[in-house]
Amino acid sequence: MDPPGEEVVELYIRLRGTTTAQPVRALKGFRRVALAPGETQKVTFDLKPEAFAIWNDRNQFAAEPAKLSVWISPDSAHGTAAEMGIVP
């Protein structure tokens, strides 16, 4: 019998089209999950509007209209992005 293990689930976002350049992937949340061999588990993340705010070109911390990519993966190098937008 295999021993239980742990997995880290990470949530990253990318904002494009903002007044200031943003990271390719910005970590916005993570969860450490204990799993038995063969077990799956649903992981949810609750993000407040501030998670999408940036320091803009007027030195204001605010959300801007942008193209948004979201990844949920075990690390920053993997996963398939979900694409959406932030509209005014």
PDB file of N, CA and C in Angstrom:
ATOM      1  N   MET A   1       0.846  -1.177   0.000  1.00  0.00           N
ATOM      2  CA  MET A   1       0.000   0.000   0.000  1.00  0.00           C
ATOM      3  C   MET A   1       0.897   1.248   0.000  1.00  0.00           C
ATOM      4  N   ASP A   2       0.590   2.175  -0.905  1.00  0.00           N
ATOM      5  CA  ASP A   2       1.355   3.416  -0.987  1.00  0.00           C
ATOM      6  C   ASP A   2       0.973   4.340   0.166  1.00  0.00           C
ATOM      7  N   PRO A   3       1.938   5.097   0.673  1.00  0.00           N
ATOM      8  CA  PRO A   3       1.630   6.033   1.761  1.00  0.00           C
ATOM      9  C   PRO A   3       0.893   7.258   1.225  1.00  0.00           C
ATOM     10  N   PRO A   4       0.176   7.953   2.097  1.00  0.00           N
ATOM     11  CA  PRO A   4      -0.466   9.196   1.669  1.00  0.00           C
ATOM     12  C   PRO A   4       0.599  10.224   1.282  1.00  0.00           C
ATOM     13  N   GLY A   5       0.187  11.204   0.499  1.00  0.00           N
ATOM     14  CA  GLY A   5       1.114  12.243   0.074  1.00  0.00           C
ATOM     15  C   GLY A   5       0.451  13.604   0.130  1.00  0.00           C
ATOM     16  N   GLU A   6       1.232  14.610  -0.256  1.00  0.00           N
ATOM     17  CA  GLU A   6       0.717  15.964  -0.308  1.00  0.00           C
ATOM     18  C   GLU A   6       0.956  16.544  -1.689  1.00  0.00           C
ATOM     19  N   GLU A   7       0.027  17.379  -2.108  1.00  0.00           N
ATOM     20  CA  GLU A   7       0.150  18.097  -3.381  1.00  0.00           C
ATOM     21  C   GLU A   7      -0.084  19.572  -3.084  1.00  0.00           C
ATOM     22  N   VAL A   8       0.681  20.420  -3.749  1.00  0.00           N
ATOM     23  CA  VAL A   8       0.442  21.857  -3.653  1.00  0.00           C
ATOM     24  C   VAL A   8      -0.264  22.285  -4.929  1.00  0.00           C
ATOM     25  N   VAL A   9      -1.398  22.944  -4.761  1.00  0.00           N
ATOM     26  CA  VAL A   9      -2.189  23.454  -5.881  1.00  0.00           C
ATOM     27  C   VAL A   9      -2.026  24.966  -5.877  1.00  0.00           C
ATOM     28  N   GLU A  10      -1.569  25.518  -7.005  1.00  0.00           N
ATOM     29  CA  GLU A  10      -1.274  26.949  -7.080  1.00  0.00           C
ATOM     30  C   GLU A  10      -2.171  27.637  -8.109  1.00  0.00           C
ATOM     31  N   LEU A  11      -2.554  28.887  -7.825  1.00  0.00           N
ATOM     32  CA  LEU A  11      -3.369  29.680  -8.736  1.00  0.00           C
ATOM     33  C   LEU A  11      -2.551  30.891  -9.185  1.00  0.00           C
ATOM     34  N   TYR A  12      -2.430  31.043 -10.496  1.00  0.00           N
ATOM     35  CA  TYR A  12      -1.683  32.145 -11.096  1.00  0.00           C
ATOM     36  C   TYR A  12      -2.599  32.937 -12.023  1.00  0.00           C
ATOM     37  N   ILE A  13      -2.325  34.240 -12.141  1.00  0.00           N
ATOM     38  CA  ILE A  13      -3.030  35.056 -13.130  1.00  0.00           C
ATOM     39  C   ILE A  13      -2.013  35.842 -13.953  1.00  0.00           C
ATOM     40  N   ARG A  14      -2.468  36.247 -15.138  1.00  0.00           N
ATOM     41  CA  ARG A  14      -1.711  37.166 -15.973  1.00  0.00           C
ATOM     42  C   ARG A  14      -2.681  38.204 -16.515  1.00  0.00           C
ATOM     43  N   LEU A  15      -2.327  39.475 -16.381  1.00  0.00           N
ATOM     44  CA  LEU A  15      -3.126  40.576 -16.916  1.00  0.00           C
ATOM     45  C   LEU A  15      -2.389  41.158 -18.108  1.00  0.00           C
ATOM     46  N   ARG A  16      -3.108  41.306 -19.229  1.00  0.00           N
ATOM     47  CA  ARG A  16      -2.519  41.895 -20.439  1.00  0.00           C
ATOM     48  C   ARG A  16      -3.373  43.083 -20.870  1.00  0.00           C
ATOM     49  N   GLY A  17      -2.719  44.112 -21.400  1.00  0.00           N
ATOM     50  CA  GLY A  17      -3.429  45.294 -21.871  1.00  0.00           C
ATOM     51  C   GLY A  17      -3.612  46.350 -20.804  1.00  0.00           C
ATOM     52  N   THR A  18      -2.864  46.262 -19.726  1.00  0.00           N
ATOM     53  CA  THR A  18      -2.951  47.247 -18.649  1.00  0.00           C
ATOM     54  C   THR A  18      -1.994  48.408 -18.915  1.00  0.00           C
ATOM     55  N   THR A  19      -2.139  49.486 -18.138  1.00  0.00           N
ATOM     56  CA  THR A  19      -1.291  50.667 -18.349  1.00  0.00           C
ATOM     57  C   THR A  19       0.150  50.441 -17.923  1.00  0.00           C
ATOM     58  N   THR A  20       0.395  49.439 -17.097  1.00  0.00           N
ATOM     59  CA  THR A  20       1.760  49.091 -16.700  1.00  0.00           C
ATOM     60  C   THR A  20       1.972  47.601 -16.961  1.00  0.00           C
ATOM     61  N   ALA A  21       3.200  47.232 -17.282  1.00  0.00           N
ATOM     62  CA  ALA A  21       3.529  45.830 -17.567  1.00  0.00           C
ATOM     63  C   ALA A  21       3.336  44.988 -16.305  1.00  0.00           C
ATOM     64  N   GLN A  22       2.855  43.765 -16.513  1.00  0.00           N
ATOM     65  CA  GLN A  22       2.589  42.848 -15.409  1.00  0.00           C
ATOM     66  C   GLN A  22       3.378  41.554 -15.593  1.00  0.00           C
ATOM     67  N   PRO A  23       3.575  40.793 -14.510  1.00  0.00           N
ATOM     68  CA  PRO A  23       4.301  39.523 -14.622  1.00  0.00           C
ATOM     69  C   PRO A  23       3.581  38.548 -15.557  1.00  0.00           C
ATOM     70  N   VAL A  24       4.352  37.634 -16.123  1.00  0.00           N
ATOM     71  CA  VAL A  24       3.763  36.601 -16.986  1.00  0.00           C
ATOM     72  C   VAL A  24       2.820  35.721 -16.173  1.00  0.00           C
ATOM     73  N   ARG A  25       3.202  35.363 -14.962  1.00  0.00           N
ATOM     74  CA  ARG A  25       2.327  34.625 -14.048  1.00  0.00           C
ATOM     75  C   ARG A  25       2.543  35.158 -12.635  1.00  0.00           C
ATOM     76  N   ALA A  26       1.490  35.670 -12.031  1.00  0.00           N
ATOM     77  CA  ALA A  26       1.551  36.177 -10.659  1.00  0.00           C
ATOM     78  C   ALA A  26       0.798  35.207  -9.754  1.00  0.00           C
ATOM     79  N   LEU A  27       1.465  34.687  -8.735  1.00  0.00           N
ATOM     80  CA  LEU A  27       0.846  33.760  -7.787  1.00  0.00           C
ATOM     81  C   LEU A  27      -0.178  34.513  -6.956  1.00  0.00           C
ATOM     82  N   LYS A  28      -1.428  34.031  -6.961  1.00  0.00           N
ATOM     83  CA  LYS A  28      -2.506  34.688  -6.214  1.00  0.00           C
ATOM     84  C   LYS A  28      -3.104  33.800  -5.133  1.00  0.00           C
ATOM     85  N   GLY A  29      -2.686  32.543  -5.081  1.00  0.00           N
ATOM     86  CA  GLY A  29      -3.185  31.661  -4.037  1.00  0.00           C
ATOM     87  C   GLY A  29      -2.591  30.278  -4.167  1.00  0.00           C
ATOM     88  N   PHE A  30      -2.578  29.552  -3.052  1.00  0.00           N
ATOM     89  CA  PHE A  30      -2.143  28.158  -3.092  1.00  0.00           C
ATOM     90  C   PHE A  30      -2.786  27.407  -1.943  1.00  0.00           C
ATOM     91  N   ARG A  31      -2.877  26.098  -2.108  1.00  0.00           N
ATOM     92  CA  ARG A  31      -3.405  25.195  -1.083  1.00  0.00           C
ATOM     93  C   ARG A  31      -2.527  23.942  -1.047  1.00  0.00           C
ATOM     94  N   ARG A  32      -2.244  23.473   0.157  1.00  0.00           N
ATOM     95  CA  ARG A  32      -1.559  22.199   0.336  1.00  0.00           C
ATOM     96  C   ARG A  32      -2.644  21.174   0.663  1.00  0.00           C
ATOM     97  N   VAL A  33      -2.693  20.091  -0.121  1.00  0.00           N
ATOM     98  CA  VAL A  33      -3.763  19.105   0.001  1.00  0.00           C
ATOM     99  C   VAL A  33      -3.154  17.739   0.314  1.00  0.00           C
ATOM    100  N   ALA A  34      -3.652  17.099   1.365  1.00  0.00           N
ATOM    101  CA  ALA A  34      -3.236  15.735   1.697  1.00  0.00           C
ATOM    102  C   ALA A  34      -4.123  14.762   0.923  1.00  0.00           C
ATOM    103  N   LEU A  35      -3.494  13.799   0.249  1.00  0.00           N
ATOM    104  CA  LEU A  35      -4.229  12.834  -0.574  1.00  0.00           C
ATOM    105  C   LEU A  35      -3.762  11.413  -0.297  1.00  0.00           C
ATOM    106  N   ALA A  36      -4.715  10.505  -0.243  1.00  0.00           N
ATOM    107  CA  ALA A  36      -4.397   9.080  -0.194  1.00  0.00           C
ATOM    108  C   ALA A  36      -4.103   8.623  -1.621  1.00  0.00           C
ATOM    109  N   PRO A  37      -3.404   7.525  -1.803  1.00  0.00           N
ATOM    110  CA  PRO A  37      -3.135   7.030  -3.160  1.00  0.00           C
ATOM    111  C   PRO A  37      -4.431   6.863  -3.966  1.00  0.00           C
ATOM    112  N   GLY A  38      -4.467   7.435  -5.165  1.00  0.00           N
ATOM    113  CA  GLY A  38      -5.624   7.342  -6.045  1.00  0.00           C
ATOM    114  C   GLY A  38      -6.747   8.315  -5.717  1.00  0.00           C
ATOM    115  N   GLU A  39      -6.631   9.053  -4.645  1.00  0.00           N
ATOM    116  CA  GLU A  39      -7.681   9.985  -4.233  1.00  0.00           C
ATOM    117  C   GLU A  39      -7.612  11.278  -5.047  1.00  0.00           C
ATOM    118  N   THR A  40      -8.772  11.866  -5.312  1.00  0.00           N
ATOM    119  CA  THR A  40      -8.850  13.191  -5.911  1.00  0.00           C
ATOM    120  C   THR A  40      -9.590  14.098  -4.943  1.00  0.00           C
ATOM    121  N   GLN A  41      -9.407  15.372  -5.110  1.00  0.00           N
ATOM    122  CA  GLN A  41     -10.060  16.324  -4.223  1.00  0.00           C
ATOM    123  C   GLN A  41     -10.318  17.619  -4.980  1.00  0.00           C
ATOM    124  N   LYS A  42     -11.467  18.207  -4.778  1.00  0.00           N
ATOM    125  CA  LYS A  42     -11.808  19.495  -5.384  1.00  0.00           C
ATOM    126  C   LYS A  42     -11.190  20.600  -4.533  1.00  0.00           C
ATOM    127  N   VAL A  43     -10.523  21.545  -5.201  1.00  0.00           N
ATOM    128  CA  VAL A  43      -9.905  22.684  -4.527  1.00  0.00           C
ATOM    129  C   VAL A  43     -10.528  23.947  -5.098  1.00  0.00           C
ATOM    130  N   THR A  44     -10.938  24.848  -4.229  1.00  0.00           N
ATOM    131  CA  THR A  44     -11.518  26.111  -4.683  1.00  0.00           C
ATOM    132  C   THR A  44     -10.681  27.275  -4.161  1.00  0.00           C
ATOM    133  N   PHE A  45     -10.708  28.365  -4.908  1.00  0.00           N
ATOM    134  CA  PHE A  45     -10.031  29.596  -4.527  1.00  0.00           C
ATOM    135  C   PHE A  45     -11.052  30.723  -4.588  1.00  0.00           C
ATOM    136  N   ASP A  46     -11.071  31.563  -3.576  1.00  0.00           N
ATOM    137  CA  ASP A  46     -11.911  32.762  -3.567  1.00  0.00           C
ATOM    138  C   ASP A  46     -10.995  33.967  -3.714  1.00  0.00           C
ATOM    139  N   LEU A  47     -11.152  34.700  -4.804  1.00  0.00           N
ATOM    140  CA  LEU A  47     -10.342  35.889  -5.036  1.00  0.00           C
ATOM    141  C   LEU A  47     -11.213  37.129  -4.936  1.00  0.00           C
ATOM    142  N   LYS A  48     -10.760  38.073  -4.155  1.00  0.00           N
ATOM    143  CA  LYS A  48     -11.453  39.354  -4.034  1.00  0.00           C
ATOM    144  C   LYS A  48     -11.010  40.263  -5.181  1.00  0.00           C
ATOM    145  N   PRO A  49     -11.753  41.322  -5.471  1.00  0.00           N
ATOM    146  CA  PRO A  49     -11.373  42.229  -6.564  1.00  0.00           C
ATOM    147  C   PRO A  49      -9.938  42.752  -6.457  1.00  0.00           C
ATOM    148  N   GLU A  50      -9.435  42.907  -5.236  1.00  0.00           N
ATOM    149  CA  GLU A  50      -8.070  43.405  -5.049  1.00  0.00           C
ATOM    150  C   GLU A  50      -7.020  42.477  -5.663  1.00  0.00           C
ATOM    151  N   ALA A  51      -7.351  41.215  -5.851  1.00  0.00           N
ATOM    152  CA  ALA A  51      -6.405  40.274  -6.459  1.00  0.00           C
ATOM    153  C   ALA A  51      -6.094  40.657  -7.903  1.00  0.00           C
ATOM    154  N   PHE A  52      -6.965  41.446  -8.520  1.00  0.00           N
ATOM    155  CA  PHE A  52      -6.794  41.850  -9.919  1.00  0.00           C
ATOM    156  C   PHE A  52      -6.358  43.313 -10.051  1.00  0.00           C
ATOM    157  N   ALA A  53      -6.126  43.975  -8.917  1.00  0.00           N
ATOM    158  CA  ALA A  53      -5.703  45.379  -8.936  1.00  0.00           C
ATOM    159  C   ALA A  53      -4.192  45.469  -9.142  1.00  0.00           C
ATOM    160  N   ILE A  54      -3.774  46.554  -9.763  1.00  0.00           N
ATOM    161  CA  ILE A  54      -2.356  46.806 -10.022  1.00  0.00           C
ATOM    162  C   ILE A  54      -2.043  48.261  -9.684  1.00  0.00           C
ATOM    163  N   TRP A  55      -0.766  48.566  -9.535  1.00  0.00           N
ATOM    164  CA  TRP A  55      -0.337  49.966  -9.449  1.00  0.00           C
ATOM    165  C   TRP A  55      -0.256  50.462 -10.885  1.00  0.00           C
ATOM    166  N   ASN A  56      -1.139  51.375 -11.252  1.00  0.00           N
ATOM    167  CA  ASN A  56      -1.222  51.816 -12.643  1.00  0.00           C
ATOM    168  C   ASN A  56      -0.272  52.979 -12.922  1.00  0.00           C
ATOM    169  N   ASP A  57      -0.355  53.522 -14.122  1.00  0.00           N
ATOM    170  CA  ASP A  57       0.551  54.589 -14.540  1.00  0.00           C
ATOM    171  C   ASP A  57       0.279  55.934 -13.848  1.00  0.00           C
ATOM    172  N   ARG A  58      -0.791  56.031 -13.052  1.00  0.00           N
ATOM    173  CA  ARG A  58      -1.078  57.238 -12.255  1.00  0.00           C
ATOM    174  C   ARG A  58      -0.794  56.985 -10.775  1.00  0.00           C
ATOM    175  N   ASN A  59      -0.076  55.879 -10.504  1.00  0.00           N
ATOM    176  CA  ASN A  59       0.293  55.477  -9.149  1.00  0.00           C
ATOM    177  C   ASN A  59      -0.940  55.239  -8.265  1.00  0.00           C
ATOM    178  N   GLN A  60      -1.976  54.655  -8.868  1.00  0.00           N
ATOM    179  CA  GLN A  60      -3.190  54.280  -8.152  1.00  0.00           C
ATOM    180  C   GLN A  60      -3.300  52.761  -8.162  1.00  0.00           C
ATOM    181  N   PHE A  61      -3.712  52.194  -7.032  1.00  0.00           N
ATOM    182  CA  PHE A  61      -3.925  50.753  -6.940  1.00  0.00           C
ATOM    183  C   PHE A  61      -5.369  50.474  -7.312  1.00  0.00           C
ATOM    184  N   ALA A  62      -5.586  49.943  -8.527  1.00  0.00           N
ATOM    185  CA  ALA A  62      -6.947  49.750  -9.032  1.00  0.00           C
ATOM    186  C   ALA A  62      -6.973  48.641 -10.067  1.00  0.00           C
ATOM    187  N   ALA A  63      -8.138  48.060 -10.247  1.00  0.00           N
ATOM    188  CA  ALA A  63      -8.339  47.102 -11.334  1.00  0.00           C
ATOM    189  C   ALA A  63      -8.578  47.893 -12.616  1.00  0.00           C
ATOM    190  N   GLU A  64      -8.033  47.380 -13.712  1.00  0.00           N
ATOM    191  CA  GLU A  64      -8.200  48.005 -15.022  1.00  0.00           C
ATOM    192  C   GLU A  64      -8.812  47.006 -15.985  1.00  0.00           C
ATOM    193  N   PRO A  65      -9.449  47.489 -17.051  1.00  0.00           N
ATOM    194  CA  PRO A  65      -9.868  46.564 -18.104  1.00  0.00           C
ATOM    195  C   PRO A  65      -8.626  45.821 -18.613  1.00  0.00           C
ATOM    196  N   ALA A  66      -8.752  44.527 -18.787  1.00  0.00           N
ATOM    197  CA  ALA A  66      -7.588  43.733 -19.201  1.00  0.00           C
ATOM    198  C   ALA A  66      -8.036  42.386 -19.726  1.00  0.00           C
ATOM    199  N   LYS A  67      -7.151  41.756 -20.488  1.00  0.00           N
ATOM    200  CA  LYS A  67      -7.302  40.348 -20.835  1.00  0.00           C
ATOM    201  C   LYS A  67      -6.690  39.572 -19.685  1.00  0.00           C
ATOM    202  N   LEU A  68      -7.387  38.539 -19.221  1.00  0.00           N
ATOM    203  CA  LEU A  68      -6.992  37.802 -18.031  1.00  0.00           C
ATOM    204  C   LEU A  68      -6.790  36.333 -18.364  1.00  0.00           C
ATOM    205  N   SER A  69      -5.651  35.789 -17.970  1.00  0.00           N
ATOM    206  CA  SER A  69      -5.394  34.354 -18.051  1.00  0.00           C
ATOM    207  C   SER A  69      -5.292  33.826 -16.624  1.00  0.00           C
ATOM    208  N   VAL A  70      -5.889  32.658 -16.373  1.00  0.00           N
ATOM    209  CA  VAL A  70      -5.863  32.033 -15.053  1.00  0.00           C
ATOM    210  C   VAL A  70      -5.373  30.607 -15.197  1.00  0.00           C
ATOM    211  N   TRP A  71      -4.392  30.229 -14.368  1.00  0.00           N
ATOM    212  CA  TRP A  71      -3.878  28.862 -14.336  1.00  0.00           C
ATOM    213  C   TRP A  71      -4.052  28.305 -12.940  1.00  0.00           C
ATOM    214  N   ILE A  72      -4.463  27.061 -12.839  1.00  0.00           N
ATOM    215  CA  ILE A  72      -4.424  26.315 -11.586  1.00  0.00           C
ATOM    216  C   ILE A  72      -3.591  25.081 -11.887  1.00  0.00           C
ATOM    217  N   SER A  73      -2.447  24.980 -11.216  1.00  0.00           N
ATOM    218  CA  SER A  73      -1.481  23.943 -11.550  1.00  0.00           C
ATOM    219  C   SER A  73      -0.572  23.665 -10.352  1.00  0.00           C
ATOM    220  N   PRO A  74       0.276  22.629 -10.447  1.00  0.00           N
ATOM    221  CA  PRO A  74       1.176  22.329  -9.332  1.00  0.00           C
ATOM    222  C   PRO A  74       2.380  23.266  -9.246  1.00  0.00           C
ATOM    223  N   ASP A  75       2.638  24.040 -10.311  1.00  0.00           N
ATOM    224  CA  ASP A  75       3.767  24.970 -10.309  1.00  0.00           C
ATOM    225  C   ASP A  75       3.580  25.993 -11.425  1.00  0.00           C
ATOM    226  N   SER A  76       4.490  26.954 -11.507  1.00  0.00           N
ATOM    227  CA  SER A  76       4.328  28.053 -12.465  1.00  0.00           C
ATOM    228  C   SER A  76       4.645  27.676 -13.901  1.00  0.00           C
ATOM    229  N   ALA A  77       5.215  26.509 -14.124  1.00  0.00           N
ATOM    230  CA  ALA A  77       5.615  26.111 -15.481  1.00  0.00           C
ATOM    231  C   ALA A  77       4.585  25.219 -16.181  1.00  0.00           C
ATOM    232  N   HIS A  78       3.527  24.824 -15.495  1.00  0.00           N
ATOM    233  CA  HIS A  78       2.580  23.873 -16.081  1.00  0.00           C
ATOM    234  C   HIS A  78       1.160  24.409 -16.035  1.00  0.00           C
ATOM    235  N   GLY A  79       0.251  23.666 -16.623  1.00  0.00           N
ATOM    236  CA  GLY A  79      -1.155  24.030 -16.616  1.00  0.00           C
ATOM    237  C   GLY A  79      -1.604  24.676 -17.899  1.00  0.00           C
ATOM    238  N   THR A  80      -2.890  24.635 -18.139  1.00  0.00           N
ATOM    239  CA  THR A  80      -3.512  25.257 -19.305  1.00  0.00           C
ATOM    240  C   THR A  80      -4.318  26.449 -18.830  1.00  0.00           C
ATOM    241  N   ALA A  81      -4.113  27.574 -19.478  1.00  0.00           N
ATOM    242  CA  ALA A  81      -4.786  28.810 -19.035  1.00  0.00           C
ATOM    243  C   ALA A  81      -6.239  28.839 -19.461  1.00  0.00           C
ATOM    244  N   ALA A  82      -7.067  29.387 -18.595  1.00  0.00           N
ATOM    245  CA  ALA A  82      -8.429  29.764 -18.949  1.00  0.00           C
ATOM    246  C   ALA A  82      -8.371  31.255 -19.273  1.00  0.00           C
ATOM    247  N   GLU A  83      -8.992  31.641 -20.364  1.00  0.00           N
ATOM    248  CA  GLU A  83      -8.929  33.031 -20.825  1.00  0.00           C
ATOM    249  C   GLU A  83     -10.259  33.720 -20.590  1.00  0.00           C
ATOM    250  N   MET A  84     -10.181  34.967 -20.109  1.00  0.00           N
ATOM    251  CA  MET A  84     -11.378  35.782 -19.882  1.00  0.00           C
ATOM    252  C   MET A  84     -10.968  37.242 -19.895  1.00  0.00           C
ATOM    253  N   GLY A  85     -11.868  38.120 -19.569  1.00  0.00           N
ATOM    254  CA  GLY A  85     -11.551  39.534 -19.578  1.00  0.00           C
ATOM    255  C   GLY A  85     -12.104  40.254 -18.375  1.00  0.00           C
ATOM    256  N   ILE A  86     -11.475  41.363 -18.055  1.00  0.00           N
ATOM    257  CA  ILE A  86     -11.976  42.271 -17.039  1.00  0.00           C
ATOM    258  C   ILE A  86     -12.488  43.489 -17.806  1.00  0.00           C
ATOM    259  N   VAL A  87     -13.762  43.771 -17.664  1.00  0.00           N
ATOM    260  CA  VAL A  87     -14.373  44.869 -18.414  1.00  0.00           C
ATOM    261  C   VAL A  87     -14.810  45.966 -17.436  1.00  0.00           C
ATOM    262  N   PRO A  88     -14.838  47.216 -17.913  1.00  0.00           N
ATOM    263  CA  PRO A  88     -15.238  48.330 -17.022  1.00  0.00           C
ATOM    264  C   PRO A  88     -16.709  48.236 -16.638  1.00  0.00           C
TER     265      PRO A  88
END
